[in-house]
Amino acid sequence: MKQFIGIEDLAGNALIELIQRNQERKVTFKQLNKYGTKVRQYLNKVTGEEVILLYNTNDVAAMAENYADFFKVENFGQENAYIELQENIDVTVLWKCFRSPFPIETMLAFMDDKVIEESELITA
């Protein structure tokens, strides 16, 4: 079986972790790439499922358009590109939209301390 995880899901879940740990309300594309890779590795090990990350230029453009109420994409295509959470969105909304629809194994992958640490999502 295959599981698809979109860029909006990675961004939403990364931002949940950042906000809950009193970090910034933005996440870089470099961080998302590492985070997605670690989530995929975790799920492959735990469930044996093939995980496909939807993370190309078209996916980012679609996310920027379809989720403009949630996210703002800045400097796309540049070294310092990032996704920032809109001011009026809080962590509860992120949970409802980007974490709770997933199976428990996927939720645990998004929250796993080792995944977060190894992806360098959280800064010291």
N, C-alpha and C. Protein backbone atom coordinates (compact mmCIF):
# COMPACT_ATOMS: atom_id res chain seq x y z
N MET A 1 0.83 -1.17 0.00
CA MET A 1 0.00 0.00 0.00
C MET A 1 0.88 1.25 0.00
N LYS A 2 0.40 2.31 -0.61
CA LYS A 2 1.14 3.56 -0.68
C LYS A 2 0.42 4.64 0.10
N GLN A 3 1.21 5.52 0.68
CA GLN A 3 0.65 6.67 1.37
C GLN A 3 1.26 7.92 0.74
N PHE A 4 0.42 8.89 0.46
CA PHE A 4 0.87 10.15 -0.12
C PHE A 4 0.82 11.24 0.95
N ILE A 5 1.90 12.00 1.04
CA ILE A 5 1.96 13.12 1.97
C ILE A 5 2.33 14.36 1.16
N GLY A 6 1.45 15.33 1.18
CA GLY A 6 1.66 16.55 0.42
C GLY A 6 2.50 17.57 1.16
N ILE A 7 3.03 18.51 0.41
CA ILE A 7 3.84 19.58 0.98
C ILE A 7 3.06 20.36 2.04
N GLU A 8 1.75 20.52 1.82
CA GLU A 8 0.94 21.25 2.82
C GLU A 8 0.86 20.48 4.13
N ASP A 9 0.83 19.14 4.05
CA ASP A 9 0.81 18.31 5.26
C ASP A 9 2.14 18.37 5.99
N LEU A 10 3.24 18.34 5.24
CA LEU A 10 4.56 18.47 5.86
C LEU A 10 4.69 19.83 6.53
N ALA A 11 4.31 20.88 5.80
CA ALA A 11 4.41 22.23 6.36
C ALA A 11 3.54 22.38 7.60
N GLY A 12 2.30 21.94 7.52
CA GLY A 12 1.39 22.04 8.67
C GLY A 12 1.92 21.33 9.89
N ASN A 13 2.44 20.12 9.69
CA ASN A 13 2.93 19.34 10.82
C ASN A 13 4.26 19.85 11.36
N ALA A 14 5.13 20.32 10.48
CA ALA A 14 6.37 20.93 10.94
C ALA A 14 6.07 22.18 11.76
N LEU A 15 5.12 22.97 11.30
CA LEU A 15 4.76 24.19 12.03
C LEU A 15 4.10 23.89 13.37
N ILE A 16 3.34 22.80 13.45
CA ILE A 16 2.79 22.39 14.75
C ILE A 16 3.94 22.16 15.73
N GLU A 17 4.92 21.39 15.31
CA GLU A 17 6.05 21.09 16.20
C GLU A 17 6.83 22.36 16.56
N LEU A 18 7.06 23.22 15.58
CA LEU A 18 7.79 24.46 15.86
C LEU A 18 7.05 25.34 16.85
N ILE A 19 5.76 25.52 16.65
CA ILE A 19 4.96 26.37 17.54
C ILE A 19 4.87 25.78 18.94
N GLN A 20 4.62 24.47 19.02
CA GLN A 20 4.50 23.84 20.33
C GLN A 20 5.80 23.86 21.11
N ARG A 21 6.90 23.98 20.42
CA ARG A 21 8.20 24.03 21.08
C ARG A 21 8.75 25.45 21.15
N ASN A 22 7.83 26.42 20.98
CA ASN A 22 8.17 27.84 21.10
C ASN A 22 9.26 28.29 20.13
N GLN A 23 9.19 27.76 18.93
CA GLN A 23 10.10 28.19 17.87
C GLN A 23 9.36 29.15 16.95
N GLU A 24 9.86 29.37 15.77
CA GLU A 24 9.27 30.32 14.83
C GLU A 24 7.99 29.79 14.20
N ARG A 25 7.27 30.70 13.55
CA ARG A 25 6.06 30.37 12.80
C ARG A 25 6.36 30.22 11.32
N LYS A 26 7.62 29.86 11.04
CA LYS A 26 7.99 29.60 9.66
C LYS A 26 8.95 28.42 9.61
N VAL A 27 8.97 27.78 8.44
CA VAL A 27 9.82 26.62 8.24
C VAL A 27 10.45 26.75 6.86
N THR A 28 11.74 26.46 6.79
CA THR A 28 12.43 26.57 5.50
C THR A 28 12.17 25.32 4.66
N PHE A 29 12.34 25.47 3.37
CA PHE A 29 12.19 24.32 2.48
C PHE A 29 13.27 23.27 2.74
N LYS A 30 14.45 23.70 3.17
CA LYS A 30 15.50 22.75 3.53
C LYS A 30 15.05 21.90 4.72
N GLN A 31 14.47 22.55 5.73
CA GLN A 31 13.97 21.81 6.89
C GLN A 31 12.86 20.85 6.47
N LEU A 32 11.95 21.30 5.62
CA LEU A 32 10.85 20.43 5.18
C LEU A 32 11.35 19.22 4.42
N ASN A 33 12.35 19.42 3.61
CA ASN A 33 12.91 18.30 2.85
C ASN A 33 13.47 17.23 3.78
N LYS A 34 14.23 17.66 4.78
CA LYS A 34 14.80 16.72 5.76
C LYS A 34 13.70 16.08 6.60
N TYR A 35 12.74 16.89 7.03
CA TYR A 35 11.61 16.39 7.84
C TYR A 35 10.83 15.33 7.06
N GLY A 36 10.50 15.62 5.83
CA GLY A 36 9.76 14.67 5.00
C GLY A 36 10.51 13.37 4.80
N THR A 37 11.81 13.47 4.59
CA THR A 37 12.64 12.26 4.42
C THR A 37 12.62 11.42 5.69
N LYS A 38 12.75 12.05 6.85
CA LYS A 38 12.75 11.31 8.12
C LYS A 38 11.37 10.71 8.43
N VAL A 39 10.30 11.44 8.11
CA VAL A 39 8.95 10.90 8.29
C VAL A 39 8.77 9.67 7.40
N ARG A 40 9.21 9.77 6.15
CA ARG A 40 9.10 8.64 5.23
C ARG A 40 9.89 7.43 5.75
N GLN A 41 11.10 7.64 6.22
CA GLN A 41 11.92 6.54 6.75
C GLN A 41 11.26 5.90 7.97
N TYR A 42 10.73 6.72 8.86
CA TYR A 42 10.03 6.22 10.05
C TYR A 42 8.86 5.33 9.64
N LEU A 43 8.02 5.83 8.75
CA LEU A 43 6.83 5.08 8.34
C LEU A 43 7.19 3.81 7.59
N ASN A 44 8.22 3.86 6.78
CA ASN A 44 8.65 2.66 6.07
C ASN A 44 9.11 1.59 7.04
N LYS A 45 9.82 2.01 8.07
CA LYS A 45 10.31 1.07 9.09
C LYS A 45 9.16 0.50 9.93
N VAL A 46 8.24 1.37 10.36
CA VAL A 46 7.16 0.97 11.27
C VAL A 46 6.03 0.22 10.55
N THR A 47 5.64 0.72 9.38
CA THR A 47 4.48 0.14 8.69
C THR A 47 4.83 -0.67 7.45
N GLY A 48 6.01 -0.46 6.92
CA GLY A 48 6.39 -1.13 5.67
C GLY A 48 5.75 -0.50 4.45
N GLU A 49 4.97 0.56 4.65
CA GLU A 49 4.31 1.24 3.54
C GLU A 49 5.30 2.07 2.74
N GLU A 50 5.02 2.16 1.45
CA GLU A 50 5.77 3.08 0.62
C GLU A 50 5.13 4.46 0.79
N VAL A 51 5.95 5.44 1.11
CA VAL A 51 5.46 6.80 1.33
C VAL A 51 5.98 7.67 0.19
N ILE A 52 5.07 8.37 -0.45
CA ILE A 52 5.41 9.25 -1.55
C ILE A 52 5.16 10.68 -1.10
N LEU A 53 6.22 11.48 -1.14
CA LEU A 53 6.12 12.89 -0.76
C LEU A 53 5.82 13.71 -2.01
N LEU A 54 4.77 14.48 -1.95
CA LEU A 54 4.38 15.36 -3.06
C LEU A 54 5.01 16.71 -2.80
N TYR A 55 6.19 16.90 -3.38
CA TYR A 55 7.05 18.00 -2.99
C TYR A 55 7.81 18.58 -4.17
N ASN A 56 7.17 18.77 -5.30
CA ASN A 56 7.87 19.38 -6.43
C ASN A 56 7.36 20.80 -6.64
N THR A 57 7.88 21.47 -7.65
CA THR A 57 7.53 22.87 -7.90
C THR A 57 6.03 23.05 -8.09
N ASN A 58 5.40 22.14 -8.83
CA ASN A 58 3.96 22.23 -9.05
C ASN A 58 3.18 22.05 -7.75
N ASP A 59 3.63 21.15 -6.90
CA ASP A 59 2.97 20.92 -5.61
C ASP A 59 3.07 22.16 -4.72
N VAL A 60 4.24 22.81 -4.73
CA VAL A 60 4.42 24.01 -3.93
C VAL A 60 3.53 25.14 -4.45
N ALA A 61 3.47 25.27 -5.76
CA ALA A 61 2.61 26.31 -6.36
C ALA A 61 1.14 26.06 -6.02
N ALA A 62 0.72 24.80 -6.09
CA ALA A 62 -0.67 24.46 -5.76
C ALA A 62 -0.95 24.73 -4.28
N MET A 63 0.01 24.40 -3.42
CA MET A 63 -0.17 24.67 -1.99
C MET A 63 -0.30 26.16 -1.73
N ALA A 64 0.56 26.95 -2.37
CA ALA A 64 0.52 28.40 -2.17
C ALA A 64 -0.82 28.98 -2.58
N GLU A 65 -1.42 28.41 -3.61
CA GLU A 65 -2.72 28.90 -4.07
C GLU A 65 -3.87 28.34 -3.24
N ASN A 66 -3.86 27.03 -3.03
CA ASN A 66 -4.99 26.36 -2.35
C ASN A 66 -5.02 26.58 -0.85
N TYR A 67 -3.89 26.88 -0.25
CA TYR A 67 -3.82 27.04 1.20
C TYR A 67 -3.33 28.44 1.58
N ALA A 68 -3.65 29.43 0.76
CA ALA A 68 -3.21 30.81 1.02
C ALA A 68 -3.76 31.35 2.34
N ASP A 69 -4.89 30.82 2.80
CA ASP A 69 -5.44 31.24 4.09
C ASP A 69 -4.57 30.76 5.25
N PHE A 70 -3.77 29.70 5.01
CA PHE A 70 -2.93 29.12 6.05
C PHE A 70 -1.48 29.59 5.96
N PHE A 71 -0.93 29.52 4.74
CA PHE A 71 0.51 29.68 4.54
C PHE A 71 0.84 30.81 3.57
N LYS A 72 2.02 31.35 3.78
CA LYS A 72 2.60 32.32 2.87
C LYS A 72 3.96 31.77 2.45
N VAL A 73 4.18 31.61 1.15
CA VAL A 73 5.46 31.11 0.63
C VAL A 73 6.31 32.32 0.27
N GLU A 74 7.53 32.35 0.78
CA GLU A 74 8.43 33.47 0.54
C GLU A 74 9.74 32.99 -0.09
N ASN A 75 10.23 33.77 -1.04
CA ASN A 75 11.53 33.55 -1.68
C ASN A 75 11.65 32.20 -2.39
N PHE A 76 10.52 31.69 -2.91
CA PHE A 76 10.55 30.36 -3.53
C PHE A 76 11.55 30.34 -4.68
N GLY A 77 12.32 29.27 -4.74
CA GLY A 77 13.34 29.12 -5.76
C GLY A 77 14.69 29.67 -5.34
N GLN A 78 14.74 30.29 -4.19
CA GLN A 78 15.99 30.84 -3.68
C GLN A 78 16.49 30.00 -2.51
N GLU A 79 17.71 30.18 -2.17
CA GLU A 79 18.36 29.43 -1.09
C GLU A 79 17.62 29.59 0.25
N ASN A 80 17.09 30.77 0.51
CA ASN A 80 16.46 31.06 1.80
C ASN A 80 14.93 30.97 1.75
N ALA A 81 14.38 30.16 0.88
CA ALA A 81 12.92 30.02 0.74
C ALA A 81 12.32 29.41 2.00
N TYR A 82 11.10 29.88 2.33
CA TYR A 82 10.42 29.36 3.51
C TYR A 82 8.91 29.49 3.37
N ILE A 83 8.22 28.78 4.27
CA ILE A 83 6.77 28.86 4.38
C ILE A 83 6.47 29.43 5.76
N GLU A 84 5.63 30.45 5.78
CA GLU A 84 5.27 31.09 7.04
C GLU A 84 3.78 30.91 7.30
N LEU A 85 3.44 30.67 8.55
CA LEU A 85 2.05 30.53 8.95
C LEU A 85 1.40 31.90 9.03
N GLN A 86 0.20 32.03 8.47
CA GLN A 86 -0.53 33.29 8.53
C GLN A 86 -0.82 33.64 10.00
N GLU A 87 -0.86 34.91 10.30
CA GLU A 87 -1.05 35.41 11.67
C GLU A 87 -2.31 34.87 12.37
N ASN A 88 -3.40 34.75 11.64
CA ASN A 88 -4.68 34.37 12.25
C ASN A 88 -4.86 32.87 12.44
N ILE A 89 -3.86 32.07 12.14
CA ILE A 89 -3.96 30.62 12.27
C ILE A 89 -3.19 30.18 13.51
N ASP A 90 -3.85 29.36 14.34
CA ASP A 90 -3.16 28.84 15.52
C ASP A 90 -2.96 27.33 15.40
N VAL A 91 -2.29 26.79 16.38
CA VAL A 91 -1.91 25.38 16.34
C VAL A 91 -3.12 24.44 16.35
N THR A 92 -4.21 24.83 16.98
CA THR A 92 -5.42 24.00 17.01
C THR A 92 -5.97 23.80 15.60
N VAL A 93 -5.98 24.84 14.83
CA VAL A 93 -6.44 24.76 13.44
C VAL A 93 -5.52 23.85 12.63
N LEU A 94 -4.22 23.99 12.84
CA LEU A 94 -3.26 23.12 12.14
C LEU A 94 -3.51 21.65 12.47
N TRP A 95 -3.73 21.35 13.75
CA TRP A 95 -4.01 19.98 14.17
C TRP A 95 -5.22 19.42 13.43
N LYS A 96 -6.29 20.18 13.41
CA LYS A 96 -7.53 19.71 12.78
C LYS A 96 -7.37 19.47 11.29
N CYS A 97 -6.63 20.33 10.63
CA CYS A 97 -6.53 20.26 9.17
C CYS A 97 -5.39 19.38 8.66
N PHE A 98 -4.28 19.32 9.38
CA PHE A 98 -3.09 18.68 8.83
C PHE A 98 -2.54 17.51 9.64
N ARG A 99 -3.07 17.25 10.81
CA ARG A 99 -2.58 16.10 11.56
C ARG A 99 -3.67 15.07 11.79
N SER A 100 -4.82 15.49 12.28
CA SER A 100 -5.85 14.53 12.65
C SER A 100 -6.41 13.68 11.51
N PRO A 101 -6.36 14.12 10.25
CA PRO A 101 -6.88 13.24 9.18
C PRO A 101 -6.02 12.01 8.92
N PHE A 102 -4.81 11.97 9.45
CA PHE A 102 -3.89 10.86 9.16
C PHE A 102 -4.07 9.69 10.13
N PRO A 103 -3.66 8.49 9.70
CA PRO A 103 -3.65 7.34 10.61
C PRO A 103 -2.69 7.60 11.77
N ILE A 104 -2.90 6.89 12.87
CA ILE A 104 -2.11 7.11 14.08
C ILE A 104 -0.61 6.94 13.83
N GLU A 105 -0.21 5.98 13.00
CA GLU A 105 1.21 5.77 12.73
C GLU A 105 1.84 6.99 12.08
N THR A 106 1.09 7.63 11.20
CA THR A 106 1.59 8.83 10.53
C THR A 106 1.65 9.99 11.50
N MET A 107 0.65 10.12 12.35
CA MET A 107 0.67 11.16 13.37
C MET A 107 1.90 11.00 14.27
N LEU A 108 2.17 9.76 14.65
CA LEU A 108 3.33 9.50 15.51
C LEU A 108 4.63 9.82 14.80
N ALA A 109 4.70 9.57 13.50
CA ALA A 109 5.89 9.91 12.72
C ALA A 109 6.11 11.41 12.71
N PHE A 110 5.03 12.18 12.51
CA PHE A 110 5.14 13.64 12.51
C PHE A 110 5.63 14.17 13.84
N MET A 111 5.32 13.49 14.95
CA MET A 111 5.64 13.97 16.29
C MET A 111 6.89 13.35 16.89
N ASP A 112 7.45 12.35 16.24
CA ASP A 112 8.56 11.59 16.81
C ASP A 112 9.78 12.48 17.09
N ASP A 113 10.27 12.42 18.32
CA ASP A 113 11.41 13.27 18.72
C ASP A 113 12.65 12.99 17.88
N LYS A 114 12.90 11.74 17.56
CA LYS A 114 14.07 11.39 16.75
C LYS A 114 13.93 11.94 15.33
N VAL A 115 12.74 11.85 14.76
CA VAL A 115 12.47 12.41 13.43
C VAL A 115 12.74 13.91 13.45
N ILE A 116 12.23 14.58 14.47
CA ILE A 116 12.38 16.04 14.58
C ILE A 116 13.84 16.42 14.79
N GLU A 117 14.52 15.69 15.64
CA GLU A 117 15.93 15.99 15.92
C GLU A 117 16.79 15.75 14.69
N GLU A 118 16.63 14.59 14.06
CA GLU A 118 17.47 14.23 12.92
C GLU A 118 17.18 15.09 11.69
N SER A 119 15.99 15.63 11.60
CA SER A 119 15.65 16.49 10.47
C SER A 119 16.11 17.94 10.69
N GLU A 120 16.64 18.20 11.89
CA GLU A 120 17.10 19.54 12.27
C GLU A 120 15.98 20.57 12.16
N LEU A 121 14.77 20.12 12.45
CA LEU A 121 13.61 21.01 12.42
C LEU A 121 13.68 22.04 13.54
N ILE A 122 14.08 21.59 14.71
CA ILE A 122 14.15 22.45 15.89
C ILE A 122 15.59 22.91 16.08
N THR A 123 15.75 24.20 16.28
CA THR A 123 17.08 24.74 16.52
C THR A 123 17.34 24.78 18.02
N ALA A 124 18.59 24.65 18.37
CA ALA A 124 18.96 24.64 19.79
C ALA A 124 18.86 26.00 20.42
